[in-house]
Structures are given as structure tokens and as C-alpha cells.
Amino acid sequence: NSLKSEDTAVYFCAATPRELTTEAEAATVALYDYWGQGTQVTVS
């Protein structure tokens, strides 16, 4: 919601079999094993 121009990026979803117990773990790219191809979001 309330999208800004700074939100312009390619957005990816990812999945992991690991139990992520902290926010730091959830934010770690290397802990995700599967990734989508990405979808472009452009905010003018």
C-alpha cells in the first residue's frame, strides 16, 4: 500500500525448509533454497 517511487524494483518470492526463528535469519538470503523468477514493480 501507499507505494512510493523508491519501491521500484524486481520482487522475488523465496522458500526455505529451515525453521527461521529470528528476524535476522528470515532476512538472510543464503538461507533460502528456492526462488521465483521475479516480477517487476514500477512506481511512477
PDB file of all heavy atoms in Angstrom:
ATOM      1  N   ASN A   1       0.830  -1.196   0.000  1.00  0.00           N
ATOM      2  CA  ASN A   1       0.000   0.000   0.000  1.00  0.00           C
ATOM      3  C   ASN A   1       0.870   1.254   0.000  1.00  0.00           C
ATOM      4  O   ASN A   1       2.042   1.216   0.369  1.00  0.00           O
ATOM      5  CB  ASN A   1      -0.912   0.015   1.227  1.00  0.00           C
ATOM      6  CG  ASN A   1      -1.840  -1.171   1.290  1.00  0.00           C
ATOM      7  OD1 ASN A   1      -2.478  -1.527   0.297  1.00  0.00           O
ATOM      8  ND2 ASN A   1      -1.936  -1.793   2.463  1.00  0.00           N
ATOM      9  N   SER A   2       0.265   2.360  -0.392  1.00  0.00           N
ATOM     10  CA  SER A   2       0.951   3.654  -0.386  1.00  0.00           C
ATOM     11  C   SER A   2       2.316   3.574  -1.052  1.00  0.00           C
ATOM     12  O   SER A   2       3.333   4.008  -0.510  1.00  0.00           O
ATOM     13  CB  SER A   2       1.087   4.159   1.060  1.00  0.00           C
ATOM     14  OG  SER A   2      -0.178   4.281   1.678  1.00  0.00           O
ATOM     15  N   LEU A   3       2.336   3.032  -2.239  1.00  0.00           N
ATOM     16  CA  LEU A   3       3.592   2.805  -2.932  1.00  0.00           C
ATOM     17  C   LEU A   3       4.306   4.109  -3.263  1.00  0.00           C
ATOM     18  O   LEU A   3       3.677   5.124  -3.574  1.00  0.00           O
ATOM     19  CB  LEU A   3       3.353   2.001  -4.202  1.00  0.00           C
ATOM     20  CG  LEU A   3       3.069   0.517  -3.962  1.00  0.00           C
ATOM     21  CD1 LEU A   3       2.470  -0.123  -5.198  1.00  0.00           C
ATOM     22  CD2 LEU A   3       4.354  -0.206  -3.554  1.00  0.00           C
ATOM     23  N   LYS A   4       5.622   4.050  -3.182  1.00  0.00           N
ATOM     24  CA  LYS A   4       6.487   5.184  -3.461  1.00  0.00           C
ATOM     25  C   LYS A   4       7.411   4.835  -4.619  1.00  0.00           C
ATOM     26  O   LYS A   4       7.624   3.662  -4.928  1.00  0.00           O
ATOM     27  CB  LYS A   4       7.333   5.529  -2.224  1.00  0.00           C
ATOM     28  CG  LYS A   4       6.550   5.709  -0.941  1.00  0.00           C
ATOM     29  CD  LYS A   4       7.497   5.855   0.244  1.00  0.00           C
ATOM     30  CE  LYS A   4       6.746   5.985   1.551  1.00  0.00           C
ATOM     31  NZ  LYS A   4       7.680   6.091   2.712  1.00  0.00           N
ATOM     32  N   SER A   5       7.983   5.857  -5.222  1.00  0.00           N
ATOM     33  CA  SER A   5       8.918   5.618  -6.311  1.00  0.00           C
ATOM     34  C   SER A   5      10.107   4.771  -5.841  1.00  0.00           C
ATOM     35  O   SER A   5      10.662   3.998  -6.630  1.00  0.00           O
ATOM     36  CB  SER A   5       9.412   6.935  -6.903  1.00  0.00           C
ATOM     37  OG  SER A   5      10.072   7.725  -5.924  1.00  0.00           O
ATOM     38  N   GLU A   6      10.473   4.899  -4.584  1.00  0.00           N
ATOM     39  CA  GLU A   6      11.576   4.123  -4.024  1.00  0.00           C
ATOM     40  C   GLU A   6      11.277   2.629  -3.955  1.00  0.00           C
ATOM     41  O   GLU A   6      12.189   1.823  -3.733  1.00  0.00           O
ATOM     42  CB  GLU A   6      11.929   4.620  -2.622  1.00  0.00           C
ATOM     43  CG  GLU A   6      12.259   6.106  -2.548  1.00  0.00           C
ATOM     44  CD  GLU A   6      11.052   6.938  -2.183  1.00  0.00           C
ATOM     45  OE1 GLU A   6      10.261   7.244  -3.091  1.00  0.00           O
ATOM     46  OE2 GLU A   6      10.907   7.289  -0.987  1.00  0.00           O
ATOM     47  N   ASP A   7      10.011   2.245  -4.125  1.00  0.00           N
ATOM     48  CA  ASP A   7       9.635   0.835  -4.110  1.00  0.00           C
ATOM     49  C   ASP A   7       9.866   0.151  -5.452  1.00  0.00           C
ATOM     50  O   ASP A   7       9.680  -1.062  -5.563  1.00  0.00           O
ATOM     51  CB  ASP A   7       8.165   0.680  -3.718  1.00  0.00           C
ATOM     52  CG  ASP A   7       7.885   1.146  -2.304  1.00  0.00           C
ATOM     53  OD1 ASP A   7       8.695   0.845  -1.402  1.00  0.00           O
ATOM     54  OD2 ASP A   7       6.851   1.817  -2.095  1.00  0.00           O
ATOM     55  N   THR A   8      10.247   0.906  -6.451  1.00  0.00           N
ATOM     56  CA  THR A   8      10.500   0.335  -7.771  1.00  0.00           C
ATOM     57  C   THR A   8      11.641  -0.675  -7.694  1.00  0.00           C
ATOM     58  O   THR A   8      12.743  -0.351  -7.263  1.00  0.00           O
ATOM     59  CB  THR A   8      10.838   1.435  -8.780  1.00  0.00           C
ATOM     60  OG1 THR A   8       9.699   2.287  -8.946  1.00  0.00           O
ATOM     61  CG2 THR A   8      11.206   0.837 -10.131  1.00  0.00           C
ATOM     62  N   ALA A   9      11.359  -1.902  -8.104  1.00  0.00           N
ATOM     63  CA  ALA A   9      12.344  -2.977  -8.018  1.00  0.00           C
ATOM     64  C   ALA A   9      11.760  -4.234  -8.635  1.00  0.00           C
ATOM     65  O   ALA A   9      10.575  -4.286  -8.978  1.00  0.00           O
ATOM     66  CB  ALA A   9      12.728  -3.248  -6.557  1.00  0.00           C
ATOM     67  N   VAL A  10      12.597  -5.242  -8.765  1.00  0.00           N
ATOM     68  CA  VAL A  10      12.127  -6.577  -9.091  1.00  0.00           C
ATOM     69  C   VAL A  10      11.850  -7.285  -7.775  1.00  0.00           C
ATOM     70  O   VAL A  10      12.709  -7.319  -6.885  1.00  0.00           O
ATOM     71  CB  VAL A  10      13.155  -7.366  -9.921  1.00  0.00           C
ATOM     72  CG1 VAL A  10      12.655  -8.790 -10.169  1.00  0.00           C
ATOM     73  CG2 VAL A  10      13.414  -6.660 -11.246  1.00  0.00           C
ATOM     74  N   TYR A  11      10.668  -7.846  -7.645  1.00  0.00           N
ATOM     75  CA  TYR A  11      10.257  -8.506  -6.419  1.00  0.00           C
ATOM     76  C   TYR A  11      10.317 -10.019  -6.596  1.00  0.00           C
ATOM     77  O   TYR A  11       9.805 -10.567  -7.571  1.00  0.00           O
ATOM     78  CB  TYR A  11       8.841  -8.070  -6.032  1.00  0.00           C
ATOM     79  CG  TYR A  11       8.807  -6.677  -5.453  1.00  0.00           C
ATOM     80  CD1 TYR A  11       9.059  -5.567  -6.261  1.00  0.00           C
ATOM     81  CD2 TYR A  11       8.545  -6.461  -4.103  1.00  0.00           C
ATOM     82  CE1 TYR A  11       9.053  -4.287  -5.734  1.00  0.00           C
ATOM     83  CE2 TYR A  11       8.530  -5.179  -3.568  1.00  0.00           C
ATOM     84  CZ  TYR A  11       8.786  -4.098  -4.391  1.00  0.00           C
ATOM     85  OH  TYR A  11       8.778  -2.827  -3.864  1.00  0.00           O
ATOM     86  N   PHE A  12      10.942 -10.688  -5.640  1.00  0.00           N
ATOM     87  CA  PHE A  12      11.141 -12.129  -5.673  1.00  0.00           C
ATOM     88  C   PHE A  12      10.470 -12.785  -4.474  1.00  0.00           C
ATOM     89  O   PHE A  12      10.506 -12.253  -3.365  1.00  0.00           O
ATOM     90  CB  PHE A  12      12.631 -12.482  -5.615  1.00  0.00           C
ATOM     91  CG  PHE A  12      13.452 -11.952  -6.760  1.00  0.00           C
ATOM     92  CD1 PHE A  12      14.031 -10.691  -6.693  1.00  0.00           C
ATOM     93  CD2 PHE A  12      13.659 -12.722  -7.882  1.00  0.00           C
ATOM     94  CE1 PHE A  12      14.799 -10.200  -7.734  1.00  0.00           C
ATOM     95  CE2 PHE A  12      14.425 -12.247  -8.931  1.00  0.00           C
ATOM     96  CZ  PHE A  12      14.997 -10.986  -8.857  1.00  0.00           C
ATOM     97  N   CYS A  13       9.894 -13.947  -4.684  1.00  0.00           N
ATOM     98  CA  CYS A  13       9.485 -14.768  -3.565  1.00  0.00           C
ATOM     99  C   CYS A  13      10.494 -15.894  -3.394  1.00  0.00           C
ATOM    100  O   CYS A  13      11.193 -16.280  -4.335  1.00  0.00           O
ATOM    101  CB  CYS A  13       8.065 -15.315  -3.728  1.00  0.00           C
ATOM    102  SG  CYS A  13       7.818 -16.478  -5.084  1.00  0.00           S
ATOM    103  N   ALA A  14      10.591 -16.394  -2.187  1.00  0.00           N
ATOM    104  CA  ALA A  14      11.564 -17.423  -1.861  1.00  0.00           C
ATOM    105  C   ALA A  14      10.992 -18.356  -0.808  1.00  0.00           C
ATOM    106  O   ALA A  14      10.101 -17.982  -0.043  1.00  0.00           O
ATOM    107  CB  ALA A  14      12.862 -16.788  -1.357  1.00  0.00           C
ATOM    108  N   ALA A  15      11.521 -19.574  -0.779  1.00  0.00           N
ATOM    109  CA  ALA A  15      11.060 -20.564   0.185  1.00  0.00           C
ATOM    110  C   ALA A  15      12.246 -21.275   0.803  1.00  0.00           C
ATOM    111  O   ALA A  15      13.301 -21.412   0.183  1.00  0.00           O
ATOM    112  CB  ALA A  15      10.129 -21.570  -0.484  1.00  0.00           C
ATOM    113  N   THR A  16      12.052 -21.735   2.029  1.00  0.00           N
ATOM    114  CA  THR A  16      13.110 -22.431   2.744  1.00  0.00           C
ATOM    115  C   THR A  16      12.533 -23.566   3.571  1.00  0.00           C
ATOM    116  O   THR A  16      11.443 -23.441   4.131  1.00  0.00           O
ATOM    117  CB  THR A  16      13.892 -21.472   3.659  1.00  0.00           C
ATOM    118  OG1 THR A  16      14.888 -22.206   4.374  1.00  0.00           O
ATOM    119  CG2 THR A  16      12.967 -20.779   4.656  1.00  0.00           C
ATOM    120  N   PRO A  17      13.245 -24.691   3.660  1.00  0.00           N
ATOM    121  CA  PRO A  17      12.812 -25.768   4.553  1.00  0.00           C
ATOM    122  C   PRO A  17      13.252 -25.550   5.993  1.00  0.00           C
ATOM    123  O   PRO A  17      12.858 -26.308   6.877  1.00  0.00           O
ATOM    124  CB  PRO A  17      13.509 -26.998   3.959  1.00  0.00           C
ATOM    125  CG  PRO A  17      14.771 -26.444   3.384  1.00  0.00           C
ATOM    126  CD  PRO A  17      14.405 -25.078   2.856  1.00  0.00           C
ATOM    127  N   ARG A  18      14.045 -24.540   6.233  1.00  0.00           N
ATOM    128  CA  ARG A  18      14.569 -24.279   7.559  1.00  0.00           C
ATOM    129  C   ARG A  18      13.536 -23.593   8.447  1.00  0.00           C
ATOM    130  O   ARG A  18      12.707 -22.826   7.982  1.00  0.00           O
ATOM    131  CB  ARG A  18      15.826 -23.407   7.486  1.00  0.00           C
ATOM    132  CG  ARG A  18      16.970 -24.026   6.715  1.00  0.00           C
ATOM    133  CD  ARG A  18      18.129 -23.048   6.598  1.00  0.00           C
ATOM    134  NE  ARG A  18      19.291 -23.648   5.983  1.00  0.00           N
ATOM    135  CZ  ARG A  18      19.487 -23.728   4.681  1.00  0.00           C
ATOM    136  NH1 ARG A  18      18.587 -23.239   3.844  1.00  0.00           N
ATOM    137  NH2 ARG A  18      20.588 -24.298   4.204  1.00  0.00           N
ATOM    138  N   GLU A  19      13.625 -23.870   9.727  1.00  0.00           N
ATOM    139  CA  GLU A  19      12.807 -23.161  10.703  1.00  0.00           C
ATOM    140  C   GLU A  19      13.538 -21.879  11.078  1.00  0.00           C
ATOM    141  O   GLU A  19      14.534 -21.908  11.801  1.00  0.00           O
ATOM    142  CB  GLU A  19      12.562 -24.029  11.928  1.00  0.00           C
ATOM    143  CG  GLU A  19      11.718 -25.255  11.653  1.00  0.00           C
ATOM    144  CD  GLU A  19      11.358 -26.007  12.912  1.00  0.00           C
ATOM    145  OE1 GLU A  19      11.380 -25.398  14.008  1.00  0.00           O
ATOM    146  OE2 GLU A  19      11.048 -27.203  12.814  1.00  0.00           O
ATOM    147  N   LEU A  20      13.039 -20.783  10.586  1.00  0.00           N
ATOM    148  CA  LEU A  20      13.650 -19.487  10.847  1.00  0.00           C
ATOM    149  C   LEU A  20      13.073 -18.923  12.135  1.00  0.00           C
ATOM    150  O   LEU A  20      11.879 -18.615  12.203  1.00  0.00           O
ATOM    151  CB  LEU A  20      13.399 -18.547   9.679  1.00  0.00           C
ATOM    152  CG  LEU A  20      13.843 -19.077   8.310  1.00  0.00           C
ATOM    153  CD1 LEU A  20      13.457 -18.098   7.213  1.00  0.00           C
ATOM    154  CD2 LEU A  20      15.339 -19.335   8.286  1.00  0.00           C
ATOM    155  N   THR A  21      13.914 -18.811  13.135  1.00  0.00           N
ATOM    156  CA  THR A  21      13.445 -18.451  14.472  1.00  0.00           C
ATOM    157  C   THR A  21      13.654 -16.997  14.826  1.00  0.00           C
ATOM    158  O   THR A  21      13.115 -16.527  15.828  1.00  0.00           O
ATOM    159  CB  THR A  21      14.121 -19.326  15.529  1.00  0.00           C
ATOM    160  OG1 THR A  21      15.540 -19.158  15.468  1.00  0.00           O
ATOM    161  CG2 THR A  21      13.790 -20.796  15.294  1.00  0.00           C
ATOM    162  N   THR A  22      14.433 -16.281  14.043  1.00  0.00           N
ATOM    163  CA  THR A  22      14.678 -14.872  14.306  1.00  0.00           C
ATOM    164  C   THR A  22      14.475 -14.062  13.037  1.00  0.00           C
ATOM    165  O   THR A  22      14.524 -14.585  11.924  1.00  0.00           O
ATOM    166  CB  THR A  22      16.106 -14.615  14.823  1.00  0.00           C
ATOM    167  OG1 THR A  22      17.048 -14.889  13.785  1.00  0.00           O
ATOM    168  CG2 THR A  22      16.412 -15.501  16.026  1.00  0.00           C
ATOM    169  N   GLU A  23      14.259 -12.770  13.222  1.00  0.00           N
ATOM    170  CA  GLU A  23      14.102 -11.895  12.073  1.00  0.00           C
ATOM    171  C   GLU A  23      15.390 -11.825  11.265  1.00  0.00           C
ATOM    172  O   GLU A  23      15.356 -11.738  10.039  1.00  0.00           O
ATOM    173  CB  GLU A  23      13.686 -10.499  12.539  1.00  0.00           C
ATOM    174  CG  GLU A  23      13.299  -9.571  11.406  1.00  0.00           C
ATOM    175  CD  GLU A  23      12.567  -8.342  11.893  1.00  0.00           C
ATOM    176  OE1 GLU A  23      11.443  -8.492  12.421  1.00  0.00           O
ATOM    177  OE2 GLU A  23      13.123  -7.235  11.769  1.00  0.00           O
ATOM    178  N   ALA A  24      16.522 -11.887  11.938  1.00  0.00           N
ATOM    179  CA  ALA A  24      17.798 -11.872  11.244  1.00  0.00           C
ATOM    180  C   ALA A  24      17.925 -13.073  10.307  1.00  0.00           C
ATOM    181  O   ALA A  24      18.421 -12.950   9.185  1.00  0.00           O
ATOM    182  CB  ALA A  24      18.947 -11.843  12.247  1.00  0.00           C
ATOM    183  N   GLU A  25      17.494 -14.237  10.758  1.00  0.00           N
ATOM    184  CA  GLU A  25      17.519 -15.415   9.899  1.00  0.00           C
ATOM    185  C   GLU A  25      16.562 -15.260   8.722  1.00  0.00           C
ATOM    186  O   GLU A  25      16.896 -15.614   7.588  1.00  0.00           O
ATOM    187  CB  GLU A  25      17.163 -16.669  10.705  1.00  0.00           C
ATOM    188  CG  GLU A  25      18.247 -17.102  11.676  1.00  0.00           C
ATOM    189  CD  GLU A  25      17.883 -18.360  12.425  1.00  0.00           C
ATOM    190  OE1 GLU A  25      16.681 -18.710  12.460  1.00  0.00           O
ATOM    191  OE2 GLU A  25      18.789 -19.004  12.980  1.00  0.00           O
ATOM    192  N   ALA A  26      15.381 -14.734   8.979  1.00  0.00           N
ATOM    193  CA  ALA A  26      14.403 -14.556   7.919  1.00  0.00           C
ATOM    194  C   ALA A  26      14.913 -13.621   6.828  1.00  0.00           C
ATOM    195  O   ALA A  26      14.541 -13.755   5.663  1.00  0.00           O
ATOM    196  CB  ALA A  26      13.100 -14.015   8.499  1.00  0.00           C
ATOM    197  N   ALA A  27      15.769 -12.691   7.205  1.00  0.00           N
ATOM    198  CA  ALA A  27      16.279 -11.696   6.276  1.00  0.00           C
ATOM    199  C   ALA A  27      17.544 -12.140   5.546  1.00  0.00           C
ATOM    200  O   ALA A  27      18.076 -11.372   4.740  1.00  0.00           O
ATOM    201  CB  ALA A  27      16.549 -10.388   7.018  1.00  0.00           C
ATOM    202  N   THR A  28      18.015 -13.340   5.803  1.00  0.00           N
ATOM    203  CA  THR A  28      19.269 -13.817   5.228  1.00  0.00           C
ATOM    204  C   THR A  28      19.017 -14.550   3.918  1.00  0.00           C
ATOM    205  O   THR A  28      18.432 -15.629   3.897  1.00  0.00           O
ATOM    206  CB  THR A  28      19.998 -14.738   6.215  1.00  0.00           C
ATOM    207  OG1 THR A  28      20.246 -14.031   7.431  1.00  0.00           O
ATOM    208  CG2 THR A  28      21.325 -15.202   5.635  1.00  0.00           C
ATOM    209  N   VAL A  29      19.478 -13.961   2.841  1.00  0.00           N
ATOM    210  CA  VAL A  29      19.260 -14.513   1.509  1.00  0.00           C
ATOM    211  C   VAL A  29      19.766 -15.943   1.391  1.00  0.00           C
ATOM    212  O   VAL A  29      19.117 -16.806   0.795  1.00  0.00           O
ATOM    213  CB  VAL A  29      19.925 -13.616   0.442  1.00  0.00           C
ATOM    214  CG1 VAL A  29      19.926 -14.290  -0.928  1.00  0.00           C
ATOM    215  CG2 VAL A  29      19.217 -12.276   0.368  1.00  0.00           C
ATOM    216  N   ALA A  30      20.926 -16.217   1.974  1.00  0.00           N
ATOM    217  CA  ALA A  30      21.577 -17.508   1.825  1.00  0.00           C
ATOM    218  C   ALA A  30      20.794 -18.654   2.456  1.00  0.00           C
ATOM    219  O   ALA A  30      21.069 -19.819   2.154  1.00  0.00           O
ATOM    220  CB  ALA A  30      22.984 -17.456   2.414  1.00  0.00           C
ATOM    221  N   LEU A  31      19.845 -18.361   3.316  1.00  0.00           N
ATOM    222  CA  LEU A  31      19.082 -19.405   3.983  1.00  0.00           C
ATOM    223  C   LEU A  31      17.880 -19.878   3.173  1.00  0.00           C
ATOM    224  O   LEU A  31      17.195 -20.811   3.587  1.00  0.00           O
ATOM    225  CB  LEU A  31      18.631 -18.931   5.361  1.00  0.00           C
ATOM    226  CG  LEU A  31      19.761 -18.635   6.359  1.00  0.00           C
ATOM    227  CD1 LEU A  31      19.180 -18.235   7.707  1.00  0.00           C
ATOM    228  CD2 LEU A  31      20.676 -19.836   6.516  1.00  0.00           C
ATOM    229  N   TYR A  32      17.611 -19.256   2.055  1.00  0.00           N
ATOM    230  CA  TYR A  32      16.510 -19.655   1.189  1.00  0.00           C
ATOM    231  C   TYR A  32      17.032 -20.514   0.042  1.00  0.00           C
ATOM    232  O   TYR A  32      18.020 -20.163  -0.610  1.00  0.00           O
ATOM    233  CB  TYR A  32      15.767 -18.432   0.657  1.00  0.00           C
ATOM    234  CG  TYR A  32      15.039 -17.678   1.737  1.00  0.00           C
ATOM    235  CD1 TYR A  32      15.708 -16.778   2.553  1.00  0.00           C
ATOM    236  CD2 TYR A  32      13.678 -17.881   1.949  1.00  0.00           C
ATOM    237  CE1 TYR A  32      15.041 -16.100   3.559  1.00  0.00           C
ATOM    238  CE2 TYR A  32      13.003 -17.203   2.949  1.00  0.00           C
ATOM    239  CZ  TYR A  32      13.689 -16.313   3.753  1.00  0.00           C
ATOM    240  OH  TYR A  32      13.027 -15.640   4.749  1.00  0.00           O
ATOM    241  N   ASP A  33      16.355 -21.614  -0.220  1.00  0.00           N
ATOM    242  CA  ASP A  33      16.812 -22.576  -1.211  1.00  0.00           C
ATOM    243  C   ASP A  33      16.114 -22.447  -2.560  1.00  0.00           C
ATOM    244  O   ASP A  33      16.652 -22.895  -3.578  1.00  0.00           O
ATOM    245  CB  ASP A  33      16.606 -24.000  -0.687  1.00  0.00           C
ATOM    246  CG  ASP A  33      17.389 -24.258   0.582  1.00  0.00           C
ATOM    247  OD1 ASP A  33      18.627 -24.378   0.494  1.00  0.00           O
ATOM    248  OD2 ASP A  33      16.764 -24.345   1.660  1.00  0.00           O
ATOM    249  N   TYR A  34      14.926 -21.867  -2.574  1.00  0.00           N
ATOM    250  CA  TYR A  34      14.149 -21.780  -3.798  1.00  0.00           C
ATOM    251  C   TYR A  34      13.711 -20.344  -4.032  1.00  0.00           C
ATOM    252  O   TYR A  34      13.290 -19.650  -3.106  1.00  0.00           O
ATOM    253  CB  TYR A  34      12.927 -22.704  -3.731  1.00  0.00           C
ATOM    254  CG  TYR A  34      13.298 -24.156  -3.573  1.00  0.00           C
ATOM    255  CD1 TYR A  34      13.344 -24.750  -2.324  1.00  0.00           C
ATOM    256  CD2 TYR A  34      13.619 -24.924  -4.689  1.00  0.00           C
ATOM    257  CE1 TYR A  34      13.699 -26.075  -2.174  1.00  0.00           C
ATOM    258  CE2 TYR A  34      13.977 -26.255  -4.548  1.00  0.00           C
ATOM    259  CZ  TYR A  34      14.012 -26.825  -3.293  1.00  0.00           C
ATOM    260  OH  TYR A  34      14.364 -28.145  -3.157  1.00  0.00           O
ATOM    261  N   TRP A  35      13.792 -19.932  -5.294  1.00  0.00           N
ATOM    262  CA  TRP A  35      13.471 -18.565  -5.682  1.00  0.00           C
ATOM    263  C   TRP A  35      12.614 -18.542  -6.933  1.00  0.00           C
ATOM    264  O   TRP A  35      12.781 -19.364  -7.833  1.00  0.00           O
ATOM    265  CB  TRP A  35      14.750 -17.767  -5.954  1.00  0.00           C
ATOM    266  CG  TRP A  35      15.589 -17.568  -4.735  1.00  0.00           C
ATOM    267  CD1 TRP A  35      16.493 -18.430  -4.208  1.00  0.00           C
ATOM    268  CD2 TRP A  35      15.592 -16.416  -3.888  1.00  0.00           C
ATOM    269  NE1 TRP A  35      17.061 -17.888  -3.077  1.00  0.00           N
ATOM    270  CE2 TRP A  35      16.534 -16.661  -2.867  1.00  0.00           C
ATOM    271  CE3 TRP A  35      14.898 -15.203  -3.907  1.00  0.00           C
ATOM    272  CZ2 TRP A  35      16.783 -15.725  -1.854  1.00  0.00           C
ATOM    273  CZ3 TRP A  35      15.145 -14.279  -2.904  1.00  0.00           C
ATOM    274  CH2 TRP A  35      16.090 -14.552  -1.893  1.00  0.00           C
ATOM    275  N   GLY A  36      11.705 -17.585  -6.991  1.00  0.00           N
ATOM    276  CA  GLY A  36      10.951 -17.346  -8.199  1.00  0.00           C
ATOM    277  C   GLY A  36      11.765 -16.526  -9.181  1.00  0.00           C
ATOM    278  O   GLY A  36      12.898 -16.113  -8.901  1.00  0.00           O
ATOM    279  N   GLN A  37      11.185 -16.287 -10.345  1.00  0.00           N
ATOM    280  CA  GLN A  37      11.892 -15.570 -11.403  1.00  0.00           C
ATOM    281  C   GLN A  37      11.863 -14.060 -11.223  1.00  0.00           C
ATOM    282  O   GLN A  37      12.625 -13.343 -11.879  1.00  0.00           O
ATOM    283  CB  GLN A  37      11.297 -15.936 -12.768  1.00  0.00           C
ATOM    284  CG  GLN A  37      10.005 -15.210 -13.131  1.00  0.00           C
ATOM    285  CD  GLN A  37       8.786 -15.673 -12.352  1.00  0.00           C
ATOM    286  OE1 GLN A  37       8.833 -16.664 -11.622  1.00  0.00           O
ATOM    287  NE2 GLN A  37       7.681 -14.956 -12.497  1.00  0.00           N
ATOM    288  N   GLY A  38      10.996 -13.572 -10.367  1.00  0.00           N
ATOM    289  CA  GLY A  38      10.874 -12.152 -10.119  1.00  0.00           C
ATOM    290  C   GLY A  38       9.787 -11.506 -10.949  1.00  0.00           C
ATOM    291  O   GLY A  38       9.497 -11.928 -12.065  1.00  0.00           O
ATOM    292  N   THR A  39       9.174 -10.468 -10.397  1.00  0.00           N
ATOM    293  CA  THR A  39       8.182  -9.687 -11.113  1.00  0.00           C
ATOM    294  C   THR A  39       8.486  -8.207 -10.904  1.00  0.00           C
ATOM    295  O   THR A  39       8.792  -7.774  -9.794  1.00  0.00           O
ATOM    296  CB  THR A  39       6.748 -10.041 -10.655  1.00  0.00           C
ATOM    297  OG1 THR A  39       5.796  -9.352 -11.460  1.00  0.00           O
ATOM    298  CG2 THR A  39       6.518  -9.683  -9.192  1.00  0.00           C
ATOM    299  N   GLN A  40       8.431  -7.450 -11.973  1.00  0.00           N
ATOM    300  CA  GLN A  40       8.803  -6.040 -11.933  1.00  0.00           C
ATOM    301  C   GLN A  40       7.668  -5.189 -11.375  1.00  0.00           C
ATOM    302  O   GLN A  40       6.522  -5.294 -11.816  1.00  0.00           O
ATOM    303  CB  GLN A  40       9.175  -5.543 -13.334  1.00  0.00           C
ATOM    304  CG  GLN A  40       9.510  -4.055 -13.405  1.00  0.00           C
ATOM    305  CD  GLN A  40      10.829  -3.720 -12.754  1.00  0.00           C
ATOM    306  OE1 GLN A  40      11.811  -4.424 -12.939  1.00  0.00           O
ATOM    307  NE2 GLN A  40      10.854  -2.628 -11.979  1.00  0.00           N
ATOM    308  N   VAL A  41       8.010  -4.339 -10.434  1.00  0.00           N
ATOM    309  CA  VAL A  41       7.092  -3.330  -9.916  1.00  0.00           C
ATOM    310  C   VAL A  41       7.711  -1.968 -10.187  1.00  0.00           C
ATOM    311  O   VAL A  41       8.827  -1.694  -9.752  1.00  0.00           O
ATOM    312  CB  VAL A  41       6.830  -3.497  -8.413  1.00  0.00           C
ATOM    313  CG1 VAL A  41       6.006  -2.326  -7.872  1.00  0.00           C
ATOM    314  CG2 VAL A  41       6.115  -4.814  -8.145  1.00  0.00           C
ATOM    315  N   THR A  42       6.996  -1.140 -10.912  1.00  0.00           N
ATOM    316  CA  THR A  42       7.466   0.205 -11.229  1.00  0.00           C
ATOM    317  C   THR A  42       6.453   1.214 -10.715  1.00  0.00           C
ATOM    318  O   THR A  42       5.272   1.147 -11.066  1.00  0.00           O
ATOM    319  CB  THR A  42       7.664   0.383 -12.741  1.00  0.00           C
ATOM    320  OG1 THR A  42       8.594  -0.589 -13.221  1.00  0.00           O
ATOM    321  CG2 THR A  42       8.200   1.774 -13.049  1.00  0.00           C
ATOM    322  N   VAL A  43       6.919   2.138  -9.900  1.00  0.00           N
ATOM    323  CA  VAL A  43       6.057   3.157  -9.309  1.00  0.00           C
ATOM    324  C   VAL A  43       6.473   4.509  -9.871  1.00  0.00           C
ATOM    325  O   VAL A  43       7.598   4.959  -9.657  1.00  0.00           O
ATOM    326  CB  VAL A  43       6.154   3.171  -7.781  1.00  0.00           C
ATOM    327  CG1 VAL A  43       5.168   4.180  -7.199  1.00  0.00           C
ATOM    328  CG2 VAL A  43       5.889   1.777  -7.225  1.00  0.00           C
ATOM    329  N   SER A  44       5.578   5.140 -10.580  1.00  0.00           N
ATOM    330  CA  SER A  44       5.855   6.440 -11.170  1.00  0.00           C
ATOM    331  C   SER A  44       5.374   7.549 -10.252  1.00  0.00           C
ATOM    332  O   SER A  44       4.386   7.407  -9.524  1.00  0.00           O
ATOM    333  CB  SER A  44       5.188   6.567 -12.540  1.00  0.00           C
ATOM    334  OG  SER A  44       3.774   6.493 -12.427  1.00  0.00           O
TER     335      SER A  44
END
